[in-house]
Amino acid sequence: MTGIKICGIRDVQTMELCTRLKVDWVGFVFCETSPRIVTADQASRLHQSVPSAKENGPLRVGLFVKADDGLIEHVLQAVPLDILQIYDTADRALEIQSRFGCPVWRACGIASRSDLPTDPKLSGYVIEAPKQPQDCRPGGLGRTFDWSLTQNWTPPSFWMLAGGLTPRNVQNAIQESQSPAVDVSSGVESSPGCKSAELIEKFVANARKGLDLTSNLS
């Protein structure tokens, strides 16, 4: 079954909602330029507010942008993250995966099929629109790309679709991209960094409708 990730969580109420809705992953952002940034201590409190993944809660994902080992180690000492989502080079992502012994998903901006990753050594990939020169951060910008680029792609490992997803377009995104999972952040916010319970509920419901439609087409 296709998974759902809600990224950029900053409050306990949203953590509790995601747990009730049984989303697969929740994401904490450790990037200074993001309106969704949390500290290690804040993430720890959020983590402790709901059951862990071992207790049937959502898996915890930490998002890092060109982070050094010191920052990642500091966060992991405070929060037992299940997965690290990395915005950096392929070599650096592999280094982090080896250094910390934690699954790593590398975020990849896709403008053409030639941009799709091929290295099976990483645990996974987050496929989204490419970063533009004017962008102050690599993700959470509400920008989509041509979802058909991932059709009939043979991925080297697990992947999920991100970038510009909303309750309105997620069904089409799932069907057009053939993605096994979807990742949303700004598309379920009332303002930058402020998650909307109503939009999260609609996103999850529509994503699951999209999954049903995809199943019917197969």
N, C-alpha and C. Protein backbone atom coordinates (compact mmCIF):
# COMPACT_ATOMS: atom_id res chain seq x y z
N MET A 1 0.85 -1.20 0.00
CA MET A 1 0.00 0.00 0.00
C MET A 1 0.88 1.25 0.00
N THR A 2 0.50 2.20 -0.82
CA THR A 2 1.28 3.42 -0.91
C THR A 2 1.27 4.20 0.40
N GLY A 3 2.42 4.75 0.77
CA GLY A 3 2.56 5.43 2.05
C GLY A 3 2.33 6.93 1.96
N ILE A 4 2.12 7.53 3.13
CA ILE A 4 1.88 8.98 3.23
C ILE A 4 2.81 9.56 4.29
N LYS A 5 3.50 10.64 3.92
CA LYS A 5 4.38 11.34 4.85
C LYS A 5 3.93 12.79 4.98
N ILE A 6 3.81 13.25 6.21
CA ILE A 6 3.53 14.66 6.50
C ILE A 6 4.81 15.26 7.06
N CYS A 7 5.38 16.24 6.37
CA CYS A 7 6.69 16.78 6.75
C CYS A 7 6.55 18.20 7.31
N GLY A 8 7.55 18.57 8.11
CA GLY A 8 7.57 19.92 8.66
C GLY A 8 6.66 20.11 9.85
N ILE A 9 6.52 19.09 10.67
CA ILE A 9 5.63 19.17 11.85
C ILE A 9 6.33 19.93 12.97
N ARG A 10 5.55 20.82 13.61
CA ARG A 10 6.13 21.67 14.65
C ARG A 10 5.29 21.71 15.93
N ASP A 11 4.16 21.01 15.98
CA ASP A 11 3.31 21.08 17.17
C ASP A 11 2.74 19.71 17.51
N VAL A 12 2.42 19.54 18.78
CA VAL A 12 1.93 18.25 19.28
C VAL A 12 0.60 17.89 18.65
N GLN A 13 -0.27 18.87 18.45
CA GLN A 13 -1.59 18.58 17.89
C GLN A 13 -1.47 17.92 16.51
N THR A 14 -0.53 18.39 15.71
CA THR A 14 -0.36 17.79 14.39
C THR A 14 0.22 16.39 14.50
N MET A 15 1.15 16.20 15.44
CA MET A 15 1.67 14.85 15.67
C MET A 15 0.54 13.89 16.05
N GLU A 16 -0.32 14.34 16.95
CA GLU A 16 -1.42 13.49 17.39
C GLU A 16 -2.39 13.20 16.24
N LEU A 17 -2.65 14.21 15.42
CA LEU A 17 -3.53 14.01 14.27
C LEU A 17 -2.94 12.99 13.30
N CYS A 18 -1.67 13.13 12.99
CA CYS A 18 -1.02 12.20 12.07
C CYS A 18 -1.05 10.78 12.60
N THR A 19 -0.91 10.64 13.90
CA THR A 19 -0.98 9.32 14.52
C THR A 19 -2.38 8.74 14.41
N ARG A 20 -3.38 9.57 14.68
CA ARG A 20 -4.78 9.10 14.55
C ARG A 20 -5.10 8.70 13.13
N LEU A 21 -4.58 9.44 12.17
CA LEU A 21 -4.85 9.16 10.76
C LEU A 21 -4.00 8.02 10.22
N LYS A 22 -3.06 7.54 11.05
CA LYS A 22 -2.19 6.42 10.68
C LYS A 22 -1.35 6.72 9.44
N VAL A 23 -0.80 7.95 9.38
CA VAL A 23 0.16 8.22 8.32
C VAL A 23 1.42 7.41 8.60
N ASP A 24 2.19 7.16 7.57
CA ASP A 24 3.34 6.28 7.71
C ASP A 24 4.57 6.96 8.29
N TRP A 25 4.78 8.24 7.90
CA TRP A 25 5.96 8.98 8.36
C TRP A 25 5.58 10.40 8.75
N VAL A 26 6.28 10.93 9.74
CA VAL A 26 6.21 12.35 10.07
C VAL A 26 7.62 12.90 9.95
N GLY A 27 7.73 14.14 9.48
CA GLY A 27 9.04 14.71 9.23
C GLY A 27 9.34 15.92 10.09
N PHE A 28 10.56 15.97 10.63
CA PHE A 28 11.07 17.12 11.37
C PHE A 28 12.16 17.78 10.53
N VAL A 29 12.08 19.10 10.40
CA VAL A 29 13.02 19.84 9.54
C VAL A 29 14.10 20.50 10.40
N PHE A 30 15.35 20.22 10.07
CA PHE A 30 16.49 20.82 10.77
C PHE A 30 17.30 21.64 9.76
N CYS A 31 16.65 22.65 9.22
CA CYS A 31 17.25 23.52 8.20
C CYS A 31 16.94 24.97 8.56
N GLU A 32 17.96 25.77 8.77
CA GLU A 32 17.78 27.13 9.29
C GLU A 32 16.96 28.04 8.39
N THR A 33 16.97 27.80 7.09
CA THR A 33 16.24 28.69 6.18
C THR A 33 14.78 28.31 6.01
N SER A 34 14.35 27.25 6.67
CA SER A 34 12.96 26.79 6.52
C SER A 34 12.06 27.38 7.60
N PRO A 35 10.83 27.79 7.24
CA PRO A 35 9.87 28.23 8.26
C PRO A 35 9.37 27.09 9.12
N ARG A 36 9.78 25.87 8.80
CA ARG A 36 9.34 24.68 9.53
C ARG A 36 10.41 24.12 10.46
N ILE A 37 11.48 24.87 10.64
CA ILE A 37 12.60 24.37 11.44
C ILE A 37 12.19 24.10 12.88
N VAL A 38 12.74 23.02 13.43
CA VAL A 38 12.61 22.73 14.86
C VAL A 38 14.00 22.45 15.41
N THR A 39 14.17 22.67 16.69
CA THR A 39 15.42 22.31 17.36
C THR A 39 15.37 20.84 17.74
N ALA A 40 16.52 20.31 18.14
CA ALA A 40 16.56 18.93 18.60
C ALA A 40 15.65 18.73 19.81
N ASP A 41 15.63 19.69 20.72
CA ASP A 41 14.78 19.57 21.92
C ASP A 41 13.30 19.61 21.55
N GLN A 42 12.94 20.50 20.62
CA GLN A 42 11.54 20.55 20.18
C GLN A 42 11.13 19.24 19.51
N ALA A 43 12.00 18.72 18.66
CA ALA A 43 11.70 17.46 18.00
C ALA A 43 11.57 16.32 19.01
N SER A 44 12.38 16.36 20.04
CA SER A 44 12.30 15.33 21.08
C SER A 44 10.94 15.36 21.76
N ARG A 45 10.46 16.56 22.07
CA ARG A 45 9.14 16.66 22.71
C ARG A 45 8.04 16.17 21.77
N LEU A 46 8.16 16.48 20.50
CA LEU A 46 7.17 16.00 19.54
C LEU A 46 7.21 14.48 19.45
N HIS A 47 8.41 13.95 19.38
CA HIS A 47 8.58 12.49 19.32
C HIS A 47 7.92 11.81 20.52
N GLN A 48 8.10 12.37 21.69
CA GLN A 48 7.59 11.75 22.91
C GLN A 48 6.08 11.92 23.08
N SER A 49 5.46 12.75 22.25
CA SER A 49 4.03 13.04 22.42
C SER A 49 3.12 11.95 21.86
N VAL A 50 3.66 11.06 21.05
CA VAL A 50 2.84 10.00 20.44
C VAL A 50 3.62 8.69 20.47
N PRO A 51 2.95 7.57 20.26
CA PRO A 51 3.65 6.29 20.26
C PRO A 51 4.76 6.24 19.21
N SER A 52 5.82 5.50 19.53
CA SER A 52 6.92 5.32 18.59
C SER A 52 6.48 4.40 17.46
N ALA A 53 7.36 4.26 16.45
CA ALA A 53 7.04 3.36 15.35
C ALA A 53 6.91 1.91 15.84
N LYS A 54 7.70 1.53 16.84
CA LYS A 54 7.60 0.19 17.40
C LYS A 54 6.27 -0.04 18.11
N GLU A 55 5.64 1.07 18.49
CA GLU A 55 4.34 1.00 19.16
C GLU A 55 3.21 1.35 18.20
N ASN A 56 3.48 1.20 16.90
CA ASN A 56 2.50 1.44 15.83
C ASN A 56 2.23 2.92 15.56
N GLY A 57 3.15 3.77 16.00
CA GLY A 57 3.07 5.17 15.62
C GLY A 57 3.80 5.39 14.30
N PRO A 58 3.81 6.62 13.79
CA PRO A 58 4.49 6.89 12.52
C PRO A 58 6.01 6.85 12.67
N LEU A 59 6.70 6.47 11.62
CA LEU A 59 8.15 6.56 11.59
C LEU A 59 8.58 8.02 11.58
N ARG A 60 9.69 8.32 12.27
CA ARG A 60 10.19 9.69 12.36
C ARG A 60 11.31 9.90 11.34
N VAL A 61 11.17 10.96 10.55
CA VAL A 61 12.16 11.30 9.53
C VAL A 61 12.75 12.66 9.86
N GLY A 62 14.07 12.77 9.85
CA GLY A 62 14.74 14.05 10.06
C GLY A 62 15.29 14.58 8.75
N LEU A 63 14.94 15.81 8.41
CA LEU A 63 15.38 16.42 7.16
C LEU A 63 16.57 17.34 7.42
N PHE A 64 17.66 17.10 6.69
CA PHE A 64 18.89 17.86 6.86
C PHE A 64 19.38 18.37 5.51
N VAL A 65 19.83 19.62 5.47
CA VAL A 65 20.33 20.23 4.23
C VAL A 65 21.82 20.54 4.40
N LYS A 66 22.65 19.81 3.68
CA LYS A 66 24.11 20.00 3.73
C LYS A 66 24.61 20.10 5.18
N ALA A 67 24.13 19.18 5.99
CA ALA A 67 24.45 19.20 7.42
C ALA A 67 25.78 18.50 7.69
N ASP A 68 26.52 19.01 8.67
CA ASP A 68 27.74 18.33 9.07
C ASP A 68 27.41 17.23 10.08
N ASP A 69 28.40 16.38 10.34
CA ASP A 69 28.18 15.26 11.25
C ASP A 69 27.78 15.72 12.65
N GLY A 70 28.31 16.87 13.05
CA GLY A 70 28.02 17.37 14.40
C GLY A 70 26.54 17.64 14.60
N LEU A 71 25.90 18.28 13.62
CA LEU A 71 24.47 18.56 13.75
C LEU A 71 23.66 17.28 13.77
N ILE A 72 23.96 16.38 12.86
CA ILE A 72 23.20 15.13 12.80
C ILE A 72 23.36 14.34 14.10
N GLU A 73 24.58 14.27 14.60
CA GLU A 73 24.82 13.56 15.86
C GLU A 73 24.07 14.20 17.02
N HIS A 74 24.07 15.54 17.07
CA HIS A 74 23.36 16.26 18.13
C HIS A 74 21.87 15.93 18.10
N VAL A 75 21.29 15.92 16.91
CA VAL A 75 19.86 15.61 16.79
C VAL A 75 19.58 14.17 17.19
N LEU A 76 20.39 13.25 16.72
CA LEU A 76 20.15 11.83 17.02
C LEU A 76 20.32 11.52 18.51
N GLN A 77 21.11 12.30 19.21
CA GLN A 77 21.24 12.11 20.65
C GLN A 77 19.94 12.49 21.38
N ALA A 78 19.18 13.40 20.76
CA ALA A 78 17.94 13.87 21.38
C ALA A 78 16.70 13.13 20.86
N VAL A 79 16.75 12.71 19.60
CA VAL A 79 15.58 12.11 18.96
C VAL A 79 16.00 10.83 18.24
N PRO A 80 15.39 9.70 18.53
CA PRO A 80 15.73 8.46 17.85
C PRO A 80 15.07 8.39 16.46
N LEU A 81 15.62 9.15 15.54
CA LEU A 81 15.05 9.20 14.19
C LEU A 81 15.15 7.83 13.53
N ASP A 82 14.12 7.49 12.76
CA ASP A 82 14.12 6.22 12.04
C ASP A 82 14.79 6.34 10.68
N ILE A 83 14.73 7.55 10.09
CA ILE A 83 15.24 7.77 8.73
C ILE A 83 15.81 9.18 8.67
N LEU A 84 16.90 9.35 7.90
CA LEU A 84 17.46 10.67 7.63
C LEU A 84 17.18 11.03 6.17
N GLN A 85 16.55 12.18 5.97
CA GLN A 85 16.29 12.69 4.62
C GLN A 85 17.33 13.76 4.33
N ILE A 86 18.16 13.53 3.32
CA ILE A 86 19.35 14.34 3.11
C ILE A 86 19.28 15.12 1.79
N TYR A 87 19.53 16.43 1.90
CA TYR A 87 19.73 17.27 0.72
C TYR A 87 21.23 17.54 0.61
N ASP A 88 21.90 16.76 -0.23
CA ASP A 88 23.34 16.88 -0.40
C ASP A 88 23.74 16.01 -1.57
N THR A 89 25.03 15.89 -1.82
CA THR A 89 25.50 15.07 -2.92
C THR A 89 25.27 13.59 -2.63
N ALA A 90 25.32 12.79 -3.69
CA ALA A 90 25.14 11.36 -3.52
C ALA A 90 26.24 10.77 -2.64
N ASP A 91 27.47 11.22 -2.83
CA ASP A 91 28.58 10.71 -2.02
C ASP A 91 28.38 11.05 -0.54
N ARG A 92 27.94 12.27 -0.28
CA ARG A 92 27.74 12.68 1.12
C ARG A 92 26.59 11.89 1.75
N ALA A 93 25.53 11.64 0.99
CA ALA A 93 24.41 10.86 1.52
C ALA A 93 24.87 9.45 1.90
N LEU A 94 25.69 8.85 1.06
CA LEU A 94 26.22 7.52 1.37
C LEU A 94 27.13 7.55 2.59
N GLU A 95 27.91 8.61 2.71
CA GLU A 95 28.79 8.76 3.86
C GLU A 95 27.98 8.85 5.15
N ILE A 96 26.90 9.61 5.13
CA ILE A 96 26.04 9.77 6.31
C ILE A 96 25.39 8.43 6.66
N GLN A 97 24.93 7.71 5.64
CA GLN A 97 24.28 6.42 5.90
C GLN A 97 25.26 5.46 6.57
N SER A 98 26.51 5.46 6.10
CA SER A 98 27.52 4.60 6.68
C SER A 98 27.93 5.07 8.08
N ARG A 99 28.09 6.37 8.23
CA ARG A 99 28.57 6.94 9.50
C ARG A 99 27.60 6.70 10.64
N PHE A 100 26.30 6.86 10.38
CA PHE A 100 25.32 6.81 11.46
C PHE A 100 24.52 5.51 11.49
N GLY A 101 24.70 4.65 10.50
CA GLY A 101 24.00 3.37 10.50
C GLY A 101 22.50 3.52 10.49
N CYS A 102 22.02 4.57 9.84
CA CYS A 102 20.58 4.88 9.80
C CYS A 102 20.15 4.96 8.33
N PRO A 103 18.97 4.46 7.99
CA PRO A 103 18.52 4.57 6.60
C PRO A 103 18.54 6.03 6.13
N VAL A 104 19.02 6.24 4.92
CA VAL A 104 19.07 7.59 4.34
C VAL A 104 18.27 7.63 3.05
N TRP A 105 17.41 8.65 2.98
CA TRP A 105 16.72 8.98 1.73
C TRP A 105 17.37 10.24 1.18
N ARG A 106 17.82 10.20 -0.06
CA ARG A 106 18.39 11.40 -0.68
C ARG A 106 17.33 12.09 -1.52
N ALA A 107 17.17 13.40 -1.31
CA ALA A 107 16.24 14.19 -2.12
C ALA A 107 16.89 14.51 -3.46
N CYS A 108 16.14 14.27 -4.54
CA CYS A 108 16.65 14.50 -5.90
C CYS A 108 15.67 15.37 -6.68
N GLY A 109 16.16 16.48 -7.20
CA GLY A 109 15.36 17.32 -8.07
C GLY A 109 15.41 16.79 -9.50
N ILE A 110 14.24 16.62 -10.11
CA ILE A 110 14.14 15.96 -11.41
C ILE A 110 13.60 16.91 -12.47
N ALA A 111 14.41 17.15 -13.50
CA ALA A 111 13.96 17.94 -14.64
C ALA A 111 13.77 17.09 -15.88
N SER A 112 14.43 15.93 -15.94
CA SER A 112 14.31 15.00 -17.05
C SER A 112 14.56 13.59 -16.53
N ARG A 113 14.26 12.59 -17.37
CA ARG A 113 14.44 11.20 -16.92
C ARG A 113 15.90 10.90 -16.60
N SER A 114 16.81 11.62 -17.22
CA SER A 114 18.23 11.39 -16.95
C SER A 114 18.62 11.79 -15.53
N ASP A 115 17.77 12.58 -14.86
CA ASP A 115 18.05 12.99 -13.48
C ASP A 115 17.62 11.93 -12.46
N LEU A 116 16.86 10.94 -12.87
CA LEU A 116 16.38 9.93 -11.93
C LEU A 116 17.55 9.13 -11.38
N PRO A 117 17.57 8.88 -10.08
CA PRO A 117 18.72 8.19 -9.46
C PRO A 117 18.81 6.73 -9.88
N THR A 118 20.05 6.21 -9.82
CA THR A 118 20.30 4.83 -10.22
C THR A 118 21.07 4.03 -9.18
N ASP A 119 21.54 4.67 -8.12
CA ASP A 119 22.39 3.99 -7.13
C ASP A 119 21.54 3.23 -6.12
N PRO A 120 21.67 1.90 -6.06
CA PRO A 120 20.85 1.12 -5.12
C PRO A 120 21.39 1.08 -3.70
N LYS A 121 22.55 1.71 -3.45
CA LYS A 121 23.14 1.60 -2.11
C LYS A 121 22.42 2.43 -1.07
N LEU A 122 21.76 3.50 -1.47
CA LEU A 122 20.98 4.30 -0.52
C LEU A 122 19.64 3.63 -0.24
N SER A 123 19.11 3.88 0.94
CA SER A 123 17.86 3.25 1.35
C SER A 123 16.66 3.76 0.56
N GLY A 124 16.73 5.01 0.07
CA GLY A 124 15.59 5.54 -0.65
C GLY A 124 15.86 6.90 -1.23
N TYR A 125 14.85 7.40 -1.94
CA TYR A 125 14.94 8.70 -2.61
C TYR A 125 13.63 9.45 -2.48
N VAL A 126 13.75 10.78 -2.37
CA VAL A 126 12.59 11.67 -2.42
C VAL A 126 12.69 12.42 -3.74
N ILE A 127 11.74 12.20 -4.62
CA ILE A 127 11.78 12.75 -5.98
C ILE A 127 10.88 13.98 -6.04
N GLU A 128 11.47 15.11 -6.44
CA GLU A 128 10.72 16.37 -6.44
C GLU A 128 11.22 17.27 -7.56
N ALA A 129 10.69 18.50 -7.61
CA ALA A 129 11.12 19.47 -8.61
C ALA A 129 12.53 19.95 -8.30
N PRO A 130 13.31 20.29 -9.34
CA PRO A 130 14.67 20.76 -9.09
C PRO A 130 14.71 22.13 -8.44
N LYS A 131 15.75 22.36 -7.66
CA LYS A 131 15.97 23.66 -7.03
C LYS A 131 16.31 24.70 -8.10
N GLN A 132 15.75 25.91 -7.94
CA GLN A 132 16.02 27.01 -8.86
C GLN A 132 17.03 27.98 -8.24
N PRO A 133 17.75 28.76 -9.07
CA PRO A 133 18.77 29.67 -8.54
C PRO A 133 18.27 30.64 -7.47
N GLN A 134 16.99 31.05 -7.58
CA GLN A 134 16.47 32.03 -6.64
C GLN A 134 15.98 31.41 -5.33
N ASP A 135 15.96 30.09 -5.23
CA ASP A 135 15.43 29.43 -4.04
C ASP A 135 16.39 29.55 -2.86
N CYS A 136 15.83 29.85 -1.68
CA CYS A 136 16.64 29.94 -0.48
C CYS A 136 16.75 28.61 0.25
N ARG A 137 15.98 27.62 -0.19
CA ARG A 137 16.03 26.29 0.40
C ARG A 137 15.64 25.30 -0.68
N PRO A 138 15.98 24.03 -0.52
CA PRO A 138 15.76 23.07 -1.60
C PRO A 138 14.36 22.50 -1.69
N GLY A 139 13.61 22.49 -0.60
CA GLY A 139 12.29 21.87 -0.62
C GLY A 139 11.26 22.71 0.12
N GLY A 140 10.02 22.20 0.17
CA GLY A 140 8.94 22.92 0.85
C GLY A 140 8.52 24.18 0.13
N LEU A 141 8.67 24.19 -1.21
CA LEU A 141 8.41 25.40 -1.99
C LEU A 141 7.10 25.33 -2.76
N GLY A 142 6.42 24.20 -2.68
CA GLY A 142 5.14 24.08 -3.37
C GLY A 142 5.25 24.01 -4.87
N ARG A 143 6.35 23.45 -5.38
CA ARG A 143 6.58 23.40 -6.83
C ARG A 143 6.51 21.96 -7.32
N THR A 144 5.73 21.73 -8.37
CA THR A 144 5.60 20.40 -8.95
C THR A 144 6.56 20.25 -10.13
N PHE A 145 6.61 19.04 -10.68
CA PHE A 145 7.34 18.79 -11.91
C PHE A 145 6.50 17.83 -12.76
N ASP A 146 7.01 17.43 -13.90
CA ASP A 146 6.28 16.55 -14.79
C ASP A 146 6.25 15.14 -14.20
N TRP A 147 5.12 14.78 -13.60
CA TRP A 147 5.02 13.49 -12.91
C TRP A 147 5.18 12.30 -13.85
N SER A 148 4.92 12.48 -15.13
CA SER A 148 5.04 11.36 -16.05
C SER A 148 6.48 10.89 -16.22
N LEU A 149 7.45 11.71 -15.77
CA LEU A 149 8.86 11.32 -15.90
C LEU A 149 9.18 10.05 -15.12
N THR A 150 8.41 9.76 -14.08
CA THR A 150 8.69 8.57 -13.28
C THR A 150 7.89 7.35 -13.72
N GLN A 151 7.04 7.51 -14.72
CA GLN A 151 6.28 6.36 -15.20
C GLN A 151 7.22 5.32 -15.81
N ASN A 152 6.97 4.07 -15.48
CA ASN A 152 7.75 2.95 -16.02
C ASN A 152 9.23 3.02 -15.67
N TRP A 153 9.55 3.80 -14.65
CA TRP A 153 10.92 3.87 -14.15
C TRP A 153 11.16 2.68 -13.23
N THR A 154 12.34 2.08 -13.34
CA THR A 154 12.72 1.02 -12.42
C THR A 154 13.62 1.62 -11.35
N PRO A 155 13.08 1.96 -10.20
CA PRO A 155 13.88 2.64 -9.18
C PRO A 155 14.90 1.70 -8.55
N PRO A 156 16.05 2.24 -8.13
CA PRO A 156 17.07 1.40 -7.51
C PRO A 156 16.74 0.98 -6.09
N SER A 157 15.84 1.72 -5.46
CA SER A 157 15.40 1.42 -4.09
C SER A 157 14.09 2.17 -3.87
N PHE A 158 13.60 2.13 -2.65
CA PHE A 158 12.34 2.81 -2.32
C PHE A 158 12.38 4.28 -2.72
N TRP A 159 11.22 4.83 -3.13
CA TRP A 159 11.16 6.26 -3.42
C TRP A 159 9.77 6.80 -3.11
N MET A 160 9.70 8.11 -2.92
CA MET A 160 8.42 8.77 -2.74
C MET A 160 8.38 10.07 -3.54
N LEU A 161 7.19 10.49 -3.88
CA LEU A 161 6.97 11.71 -4.66
C LEU A 161 6.74 12.87 -3.71
N ALA A 162 7.39 14.01 -3.99
CA ALA A 162 7.23 15.22 -3.18
C ALA A 162 7.16 16.44 -4.09
N GLY A 163 6.86 17.57 -3.49
CA GLY A 163 6.90 18.83 -4.23
C GLY A 163 5.55 19.26 -4.78
N GLY A 164 4.95 20.27 -4.15
CA GLY A 164 3.73 20.87 -4.69
C GLY A 164 2.48 20.03 -4.54
N LEU A 165 2.53 18.98 -3.74
CA LEU A 165 1.34 18.15 -3.57
C LEU A 165 0.34 18.83 -2.64
N THR A 166 -0.93 18.68 -2.94
CA THR A 166 -2.02 19.28 -2.18
C THR A 166 -3.18 18.28 -2.11
N PRO A 167 -4.17 18.56 -1.26
CA PRO A 167 -5.35 17.68 -1.27
C PRO A 167 -6.02 17.62 -2.64
N ARG A 168 -5.91 18.70 -3.40
CA ARG A 168 -6.59 18.77 -4.70
C ARG A 168 -5.89 17.93 -5.77
N ASN A 169 -4.55 17.89 -5.76
CA ASN A 169 -3.86 17.22 -6.87
C ASN A 169 -3.26 15.87 -6.52
N VAL A 170 -3.34 15.43 -5.28
CA VAL A 170 -2.61 14.23 -4.88
C VAL A 170 -3.10 12.98 -5.59
N GLN A 171 -4.40 12.89 -5.88
CA GLN A 171 -4.89 11.70 -6.58
C GLN A 171 -4.27 11.60 -7.97
N ASN A 172 -4.26 12.71 -8.70
CA ASN A 172 -3.66 12.71 -10.03
C ASN A 172 -2.16 12.43 -9.95
N ALA A 173 -1.51 12.99 -8.93
CA ALA A 173 -0.07 12.79 -8.78
C ALA A 173 0.26 11.31 -8.61
N ILE A 174 -0.50 10.63 -7.78
CA ILE A 174 -0.26 9.20 -7.54
C ILE A 174 -0.45 8.41 -8.83
N GLN A 175 -1.51 8.70 -9.56
CA GLN A 175 -1.80 7.95 -10.77
C GLN A 175 -0.81 8.24 -11.88
N GLU A 176 -0.42 9.50 -12.05
CA GLU A 176 0.48 9.88 -13.14
C GLU A 176 1.92 9.45 -12.87
N SER A 177 2.36 9.54 -11.63
CA SER A 177 3.76 9.24 -11.31
C SER A 177 3.99 7.77 -11.01
N GLN A 178 2.92 7.05 -10.65
CA GLN A 178 3.02 5.66 -10.20
C GLN A 178 3.88 5.54 -8.94
N SER A 179 3.80 6.56 -8.11
CA SER A 179 4.63 6.61 -6.90
C SER A 179 4.12 5.67 -5.82
N PRO A 180 5.03 5.01 -5.10
CA PRO A 180 4.62 4.16 -3.99
C PRO A 180 4.33 4.92 -2.71
N ALA A 181 4.66 6.23 -2.68
CA ALA A 181 4.43 7.03 -1.48
C ALA A 181 4.42 8.51 -1.87
N VAL A 182 3.76 9.32 -1.02
CA VAL A 182 3.69 10.76 -1.26
C VAL A 182 4.10 11.51 0.00
N ASP A 183 4.71 12.69 -0.21
CA ASP A 183 5.28 13.50 0.86
C ASP A 183 4.74 14.92 0.71
N VAL A 184 4.11 15.45 1.75
CA VAL A 184 3.53 16.79 1.66
C VAL A 184 3.99 17.65 2.83
N SER A 185 4.16 18.95 2.56
CA SER A 185 4.53 19.89 3.61
C SER A 185 3.72 21.18 3.44
N SER A 186 4.16 22.05 2.53
CA SER A 186 3.46 23.34 2.36
C SER A 186 2.04 23.16 1.87
N GLY A 187 1.74 22.06 1.19
CA GLY A 187 0.41 21.84 0.64
C GLY A 187 -0.66 21.57 1.67
N VAL A 188 -0.28 21.40 2.95
CA VAL A 188 -1.27 21.21 4.01
C VAL A 188 -1.08 22.27 5.09
N GLU A 189 -0.71 23.48 4.68
CA GLU A 189 -0.50 24.57 5.62
C GLU A 189 -1.44 25.74 5.37
N SER A 190 -1.84 26.39 6.45
CA SER A 190 -2.66 27.61 6.35
C SER A 190 -1.78 28.82 6.11
N SER A 191 -0.52 28.75 6.51
CA SER A 191 0.51 29.76 6.25
C SER A 191 1.85 29.05 6.42
N PRO A 192 2.96 29.61 5.92
CA PRO A 192 4.23 28.90 5.99
C PRO A 192 4.60 28.44 7.40
N GLY A 193 4.75 27.14 7.56
CA GLY A 193 5.13 26.57 8.84
C GLY A 193 3.97 26.22 9.76
N CYS A 194 2.75 26.57 9.38
CA CYS A 194 1.57 26.32 10.23
C CYS A 194 0.67 25.28 9.57
N LYS A 195 0.69 24.08 10.09
CA LYS A 195 -0.09 23.00 9.51
C LYS A 195 -1.58 23.19 9.80
N SER A 196 -2.40 22.82 8.82
CA SER A 196 -3.86 22.89 8.93
C SER A 196 -4.40 21.48 9.13
N ALA A 197 -5.10 21.26 10.22
CA ALA A 197 -5.68 19.94 10.48
C ALA A 197 -6.66 19.57 9.37
N GLU A 198 -7.46 20.54 8.92
CA GLU A 198 -8.45 20.27 7.86
C GLU A 198 -7.76 19.83 6.57
N LEU A 199 -6.68 20.52 6.20
CA LEU A 199 -5.99 20.17 4.96
C LEU A 199 -5.28 18.82 5.07
N ILE A 200 -4.72 18.53 6.23
CA ILE A 200 -4.09 17.22 6.42
C ILE A 200 -5.11 16.11 6.28
N GLU A 201 -6.27 16.29 6.91
CA GLU A 201 -7.31 15.27 6.82
C GLU A 201 -7.77 15.08 5.38
N LYS A 202 -7.91 16.17 4.65
CA LYS A 202 -8.33 16.07 3.24
C LYS A 202 -7.25 15.42 2.40
N PHE A 203 -6.00 15.78 2.67
CA PHE A 203 -4.90 15.19 1.90
C PHE A 203 -4.85 13.68 2.09
N VAL A 204 -4.91 13.24 3.34
CA VAL A 204 -4.85 11.81 3.62
C VAL A 204 -6.03 11.08 2.99
N ALA A 205 -7.21 11.64 3.13
CA ALA A 205 -8.41 11.01 2.55
C ALA A 205 -8.30 10.93 1.03
N ASN A 206 -7.87 12.01 0.39
CA ASN A 206 -7.78 12.02 -1.07
C ASN A 206 -6.64 11.14 -1.57
N ALA A 207 -5.53 11.11 -0.83
CA ALA A 207 -4.44 10.21 -1.22
C ALA A 207 -4.91 8.77 -1.19
N ARG A 208 -5.68 8.42 -0.19
CA ARG A 208 -6.16 7.05 -0.10
C ARG A 208 -7.21 6.75 -1.16
N LYS A 209 -8.00 7.75 -1.54
CA LYS A 209 -8.90 7.56 -2.69
C LYS A 209 -8.09 7.34 -3.96
N GLY A 210 -7.02 8.12 -4.09
CA GLY A 210 -6.14 7.97 -5.25
C GLY A 210 -5.54 6.59 -5.30
N LEU A 211 -5.19 6.04 -4.13
CA LEU A 211 -4.64 4.68 -4.09
C LEU A 211 -5.67 3.68 -4.55
N ASP A 212 -6.93 3.88 -4.13
CA ASP A 212 -7.99 2.97 -4.54
C ASP A 212 -8.17 3.02 -6.05
N LEU A 213 -8.14 4.25 -6.61
CA LEU A 213 -8.30 4.39 -8.05
C LEU A 213 -7.16 3.71 -8.80
N THR A 214 -5.93 3.87 -8.27
CA THR A 214 -4.78 3.24 -8.90
C THR A 214 -4.92 1.73 -8.87
N SER A 215 -5.40 1.18 -7.75
CA SER A 215 -5.57 -0.25 -7.64
C SER A 215 -6.60 -0.75 -8.66
N ASN A 216 -7.66 0.05 -8.85
CA ASN A 216 -8.69 -0.35 -9.79
C ASN A 216 -8.19 -0.35 -11.22
N LEU A 217 -7.19 0.50 -11.50
CA LEU A 217 -6.65 0.59 -12.85
C LEU A 217 -5.65 -0.52 -13.15
N SER A 218 -5.12 -1.14 -12.10
CA SER A 218 -4.06 -2.15 -12.31
C SER A 218 -4.64 -3.53 -12.62
